[in-house]
Amino acid sequence: AAQIGTVLVANSTDKLGTVVVDGQG
């Protein structure tokens, strides 16, 4: 919601550790 454009977010998961997701998760 912060910006219109491409979003890359580090996300912690139980199965794979920290992976990258887009702005929609």
PDB file of all heavy atoms in Angstrom:
ATOM      1  N   ALA A   1       0.812  -1.206   0.000  1.00  0.00           N
ATOM      2  CA  ALA A   1       0.000   0.000   0.000  1.00  0.00           C
ATOM      3  C   ALA A   1       0.853   1.266   0.000  1.00  0.00           C
ATOM      4  O   ALA A   1       0.375   2.339  -0.334  1.00  0.00           O
ATOM      5  CB  ALA A   1      -0.914   0.001   1.223  1.00  0.00           C
ATOM      6  N   ALA A   2       2.143   1.125   0.352  1.00  0.00           N
ATOM      7  CA  ALA A   2       2.988   2.304   0.488  1.00  0.00           C
ATOM      8  C   ALA A   2       3.294   2.946  -0.854  1.00  0.00           C
ATOM      9  O   ALA A   2       3.383   4.159  -0.956  1.00  0.00           O
ATOM     10  CB  ALA A   2       4.292   1.929   1.198  1.00  0.00           C
ATOM     11  N   GLN A   3       3.487   2.135  -1.884  1.00  0.00           N
ATOM     12  CA  GLN A   3       3.843   2.659  -3.193  1.00  0.00           C
ATOM     13  C   GLN A   3       3.189   1.804  -4.264  1.00  0.00           C
ATOM     14  O   GLN A   3       2.934   0.627  -4.075  1.00  0.00           O
ATOM     15  CB  GLN A   3       5.363   2.632  -3.390  1.00  0.00           C
ATOM     16  CG  GLN A   3       6.146   3.589  -2.519  1.00  0.00           C
ATOM     17  CD  GLN A   3       6.026   5.025  -2.984  1.00  0.00           C
ATOM     18  OE1 GLN A   3       5.605   5.278  -4.109  1.00  0.00           O
ATOM     19  NE2 GLN A   3       6.376   5.958  -2.132  1.00  0.00           N
ATOM     20  N   ILE A   4       2.934   2.411  -5.399  1.00  0.00           N
ATOM     21  CA  ILE A   4       2.488   1.640  -6.555  1.00  0.00           C
ATOM     22  C   ILE A   4       3.749   1.278  -7.331  1.00  0.00           C
ATOM     23  O   ILE A   4       4.495   2.143  -7.761  1.00  0.00           O
ATOM     24  CB  ILE A   4       1.522   2.468  -7.427  1.00  0.00           C
ATOM     25  CG1 ILE A   4       0.268   2.820  -6.640  1.00  0.00           C
ATOM     26  CG2 ILE A   4       1.164   1.709  -8.697  1.00  0.00           C
ATOM     27  CD1 ILE A   4      -0.668   3.740  -7.360  1.00  0.00           C
ATOM     28  N   GLY A   5       3.994   0.021  -7.519  1.00  0.00           N
ATOM     29  CA  GLY A   5       5.203  -0.427  -8.199  1.00  0.00           C
ATOM     30  C   GLY A   5       5.545  -1.822  -7.728  1.00  0.00           C
ATOM     31  O   GLY A   5       4.739  -2.517  -7.132  1.00  0.00           O
ATOM     32  N   THR A   6       6.764  -2.248  -7.996  1.00  0.00           N
ATOM     33  CA  THR A   6       7.211  -3.578  -7.616  1.00  0.00           C
ATOM     34  C   THR A   6       7.661  -3.590  -6.165  1.00  0.00           C
ATOM     35  O   THR A   6       8.315  -2.664  -5.704  1.00  0.00           O
ATOM     36  CB  THR A   6       8.362  -4.020  -8.525  1.00  0.00           C
ATOM     37  OG1 THR A   6       7.936  -3.912  -9.889  1.00  0.00           O
ATOM     38  CG2 THR A   6       8.754  -5.460  -8.253  1.00  0.00           C
ATOM     39  N   VAL A   7       7.299  -4.652  -5.453  1.00  0.00           N
ATOM     40  CA  VAL A   7       7.599  -4.755  -4.027  1.00  0.00           C
ATOM     41  C   VAL A   7       8.291  -6.088  -3.753  1.00  0.00           C
ATOM     42  O   VAL A   7       7.854  -7.132  -4.218  1.00  0.00           O
ATOM     43  CB  VAL A   7       6.305  -4.664  -3.183  1.00  0.00           C
ATOM     44  CG1 VAL A   7       6.617  -4.817  -1.702  1.00  0.00           C
ATOM     45  CG2 VAL A   7       5.574  -3.361  -3.443  1.00  0.00           C
ATOM     46  N   LEU A   8       9.401  -6.049  -3.006  1.00  0.00           N
ATOM     47  CA  LEU A   8      10.100  -7.251  -2.553  1.00  0.00           C
ATOM     48  C   LEU A   8      10.164  -7.201  -1.033  1.00  0.00           C
ATOM     49  O   LEU A   8      10.652  -6.217  -0.467  1.00  0.00           O
ATOM     50  CB  LEU A   8      11.514  -7.315  -3.122  1.00  0.00           C
ATOM     51  CG  LEU A   8      11.670  -7.329  -4.643  1.00  0.00           C
ATOM     52  CD1 LEU A   8      13.150  -7.317  -5.013  1.00  0.00           C
ATOM     53  CD2 LEU A   8      10.981  -8.535  -5.252  1.00  0.00           C
ATOM     54  N   VAL A   9       9.686  -8.249  -0.371  1.00  0.00           N
ATOM     55  CA  VAL A   9       9.624  -8.283   1.082  1.00  0.00           C
ATOM     56  C   VAL A   9      10.210  -9.597   1.590  1.00  0.00           C
ATOM     57  O   VAL A   9       9.870 -10.672   1.086  1.00  0.00           O
ATOM     58  CB  VAL A   9       8.166  -8.161   1.590  1.00  0.00           C
ATOM     59  CG1 VAL A   9       8.113  -8.162   3.107  1.00  0.00           C
ATOM     60  CG2 VAL A   9       7.503  -6.906   1.043  1.00  0.00           C
ATOM     61  N   ALA A  10      11.099  -9.529   2.579  1.00  0.00           N
ATOM     62  CA  ALA A  10      11.599 -10.747   3.220  1.00  0.00           C
ATOM     63  C   ALA A  10      10.520 -11.274   4.148  1.00  0.00           C
ATOM     64  O   ALA A  10       9.952 -10.529   4.944  1.00  0.00           O
ATOM     65  CB  ALA A  10      12.876 -10.441   4.004  1.00  0.00           C
ATOM     66  N   ASN A  11      10.222 -12.560   4.051  1.00  0.00           N
ATOM     67  CA  ASN A  11       9.143 -13.159   4.827  1.00  0.00           C
ATOM     68  C   ASN A  11       9.633 -14.446   5.484  1.00  0.00           C
ATOM     69  O   ASN A  11      10.205 -15.306   4.827  1.00  0.00           O
ATOM     70  CB  ASN A  11       7.943 -13.466   3.915  1.00  0.00           C
ATOM     71  CG  ASN A  11       6.773 -14.022   4.679  1.00  0.00           C
ATOM     72  OD1 ASN A  11       6.290 -13.413   5.618  1.00  0.00           O
ATOM     73  ND2 ASN A  11       6.296 -15.184   4.275  1.00  0.00           N
ATOM     74  N   SER A  12       9.409 -14.582   6.782  1.00  0.00           N
ATOM     75  CA  SER A  12       9.834 -15.772   7.510  1.00  0.00           C
ATOM     76  C   SER A  12       8.773 -16.864   7.410  1.00  0.00           C
ATOM     77  O   SER A  12       7.592 -16.605   7.630  1.00  0.00           O
ATOM     78  CB  SER A  12      10.084 -15.415   8.982  1.00  0.00           C
ATOM     79  OG  SER A  12      10.491 -16.558   9.704  1.00  0.00           O
ATOM     80  N   THR A  13       9.201 -18.084   7.034  1.00  0.00           N
ATOM     81  CA  THR A  13       8.283 -19.212   6.927  1.00  0.00           C
ATOM     82  C   THR A  13       8.739 -20.344   7.833  1.00  0.00           C
ATOM     83  O   THR A  13       9.922 -20.449   8.163  1.00  0.00           O
ATOM     84  CB  THR A  13       8.217 -19.744   5.484  1.00  0.00           C
ATOM     85  OG1 THR A  13       9.463 -20.368   5.157  1.00  0.00           O
ATOM     86  CG2 THR A  13       7.937 -18.623   4.492  1.00  0.00           C
ATOM     87  N   ASP A  14       7.806 -21.190   8.236  1.00  0.00           N
ATOM     88  CA  ASP A  14       8.134 -22.342   9.075  1.00  0.00           C
ATOM     89  C   ASP A  14       8.921 -23.392   8.289  1.00  0.00           C
ATOM     90  O   ASP A  14       9.848 -24.004   8.808  1.00  0.00           O
ATOM     91  CB  ASP A  14       6.867 -22.982   9.635  1.00  0.00           C
ATOM     92  CG  ASP A  14       6.178 -22.101  10.662  1.00  0.00           C
ATOM     93  OD1 ASP A  14       6.861 -21.248  11.267  1.00  0.00           O
ATOM     94  OD2 ASP A  14       4.960 -22.239  10.845  1.00  0.00           O
ATOM     95  N   LYS A  15       8.555 -23.594   7.024  1.00  0.00           N
ATOM     96  CA  LYS A  15       9.145 -24.680   6.241  1.00  0.00           C
ATOM     97  C   LYS A  15      10.483 -24.329   5.610  1.00  0.00           C
ATOM     98  O   LYS A  15      11.366 -25.170   5.512  1.00  0.00           O
ATOM     99  CB  LYS A  15       8.174 -25.111   5.135  1.00  0.00           C
ATOM    100  CG  LYS A  15       6.925 -25.806   5.634  1.00  0.00           C
ATOM    101  CD  LYS A  15       6.074 -26.263   4.472  1.00  0.00           C
ATOM    102  CE  LYS A  15       4.835 -27.003   4.947  1.00  0.00           C
ATOM    103  NZ  LYS A  15       3.989 -27.453   3.828  1.00  0.00           N
ATOM    104  N   LEU A  16      10.618 -23.072   5.153  1.00  0.00           N
ATOM    105  CA  LEU A  16      11.776 -22.729   4.327  1.00  0.00           C
ATOM    106  C   LEU A  16      12.650 -21.629   4.899  1.00  0.00           C
ATOM    107  O   LEU A  16      13.584 -21.185   4.232  1.00  0.00           O
ATOM    108  CB  LEU A  16      11.296 -22.315   2.922  1.00  0.00           C
ATOM    109  CG  LEU A  16      10.495 -23.363   2.145  1.00  0.00           C
ATOM    110  CD1 LEU A  16      10.026 -22.789   0.817  1.00  0.00           C
ATOM    111  CD2 LEU A  16      11.321 -24.614   1.923  1.00  0.00           C
ATOM    112  N   GLY A  17      12.374 -21.181   6.101  1.00  0.00           N
ATOM    113  CA  GLY A  17      13.140 -20.062   6.638  1.00  0.00           C
ATOM    114  C   GLY A  17      12.716 -18.765   5.982  1.00  0.00           C
ATOM    115  O   GLY A  17      11.555 -18.596   5.608  1.00  0.00           O
ATOM    116  N   THR A  18      13.639 -17.828   5.799  1.00  0.00           N
ATOM    117  CA  THR A  18      13.304 -16.531   5.230  1.00  0.00           C
ATOM    118  C   THR A  18      13.394 -16.569   3.709  1.00  0.00           C
ATOM    119  O   THR A  18      14.428 -16.914   3.147  1.00  0.00           O
ATOM    120  CB  THR A  18      14.235 -15.434   5.773  1.00  0.00           C
ATOM    121  OG1 THR A  18      14.104 -15.392   7.199  1.00  0.00           O
ATOM    122  CG2 THR A  18      13.868 -14.074   5.198  1.00  0.00           C
ATOM    123  N   VAL A  19      12.296 -16.227   3.065  1.00  0.00           N
ATOM    124  CA  VAL A  19      12.232 -16.167   1.605  1.00  0.00           C
ATOM    125  C   VAL A  19      11.688 -14.799   1.209  1.00  0.00           C
ATOM    126  O   VAL A  19      11.229 -14.033   2.044  1.00  0.00           O
ATOM    127  CB  VAL A  19      11.342 -17.290   1.035  1.00  0.00           C
ATOM    128  CG1 VAL A  19      11.876 -18.666   1.434  1.00  0.00           C
ATOM    129  CG2 VAL A  19       9.891 -17.125   1.487  1.00  0.00           C
ATOM    130  N   VAL A  20      11.739 -14.508  -0.078  1.00  0.00           N
ATOM    131  CA  VAL A  20      11.250 -13.221  -0.574  1.00  0.00           C
ATOM    132  C   VAL A  20       9.868 -13.402  -1.188  1.00  0.00           C
ATOM    133  O   VAL A  20       9.614 -14.362  -1.926  1.00  0.00           O
ATOM    134  CB  VAL A  20      12.220 -12.634  -1.614  1.00  0.00           C
ATOM    135  CG1 VAL A  20      11.695 -11.296  -2.152  1.00  0.00           C
ATOM    136  CG2 VAL A  20      13.604 -12.436  -0.993  1.00  0.00           C
ATOM    137  N   VAL A  21       8.981 -12.466  -0.857  1.00  0.00           N
ATOM    138  CA  VAL A  21       7.632 -12.460  -1.424  1.00  0.00           C
ATOM    139  C   VAL A  21       7.395 -11.109  -2.100  1.00  0.00           C
ATOM    140  O   VAL A  21       8.136 -10.150  -1.886  1.00  0.00           O
ATOM    141  CB  VAL A  21       6.559 -12.718  -0.348  1.00  0.00           C
ATOM    142  CG1 VAL A  21       6.764 -14.081   0.313  1.00  0.00           C
ATOM    143  CG2 VAL A  21       6.549 -11.611   0.710  1.00  0.00           C
ATOM    144  N   ASP A  22       6.335 -11.051  -2.916  1.00  0.00           N
ATOM    145  CA  ASP A  22       5.997  -9.780  -3.549  1.00  0.00           C
ATOM    146  C   ASP A  22       5.035  -8.997  -2.653  1.00  0.00           C
ATOM    147  O   ASP A  22       4.777  -9.383  -1.514  1.00  0.00           O
ATOM    148  CB  ASP A  22       5.423 -10.014  -4.955  1.00  0.00           C
ATOM    149  CG  ASP A  22       4.087 -10.745  -4.948  1.00  0.00           C
ATOM    150  OD1 ASP A  22       3.467 -10.912  -3.867  1.00  0.00           O
ATOM    151  OD2 ASP A  22       3.639 -11.165  -6.040  1.00  0.00           O
ATOM    152  N   GLY A  23       4.527  -7.898  -3.160  1.00  0.00           N
ATOM    153  CA  GLY A  23       3.674  -7.034  -2.357  1.00  0.00           C
ATOM    154  C   GLY A  23       2.360  -7.652  -1.931  1.00  0.00           C
ATOM    155  O   GLY A  23       1.731  -7.188  -0.984  1.00  0.00           O
ATOM    156  N   GLN A  24       1.932  -8.721  -2.605  1.00  0.00           N
ATOM    157  CA  GLN A  24       0.711  -9.426  -2.212  1.00  0.00           C
ATOM    158  C   GLN A  24       1.005 -10.646  -1.347  1.00  0.00           C
ATOM    159  O   GLN A  24       0.098 -11.358  -0.957  1.00  0.00           O
ATOM    160  CB  GLN A  24      -0.072  -9.859  -3.462  1.00  0.00           C
ATOM    161  CG  GLN A  24      -0.750  -8.709  -4.202  1.00  0.00           C
ATOM    162  CD  GLN A  24       0.239  -7.834  -4.935  1.00  0.00           C
ATOM    163  OE1 GLN A  24       1.092  -8.346  -5.676  1.00  0.00           O
ATOM    164  NE2 GLN A  24       0.141  -6.541  -4.758  1.00  0.00           N
ATOM    165  N   GLY A  25       2.286 -10.875  -1.059  1.00  0.00           N
ATOM    166  CA  GLY A  25       2.648 -11.996  -0.200  1.00  0.00           C
ATOM    167  C   GLY A  25       2.934 -13.285  -0.931  1.00  0.00           C
ATOM    168  O   GLY A  25       3.134 -14.329  -0.301  1.00  0.00           O
TER     169      GLY A  25
END
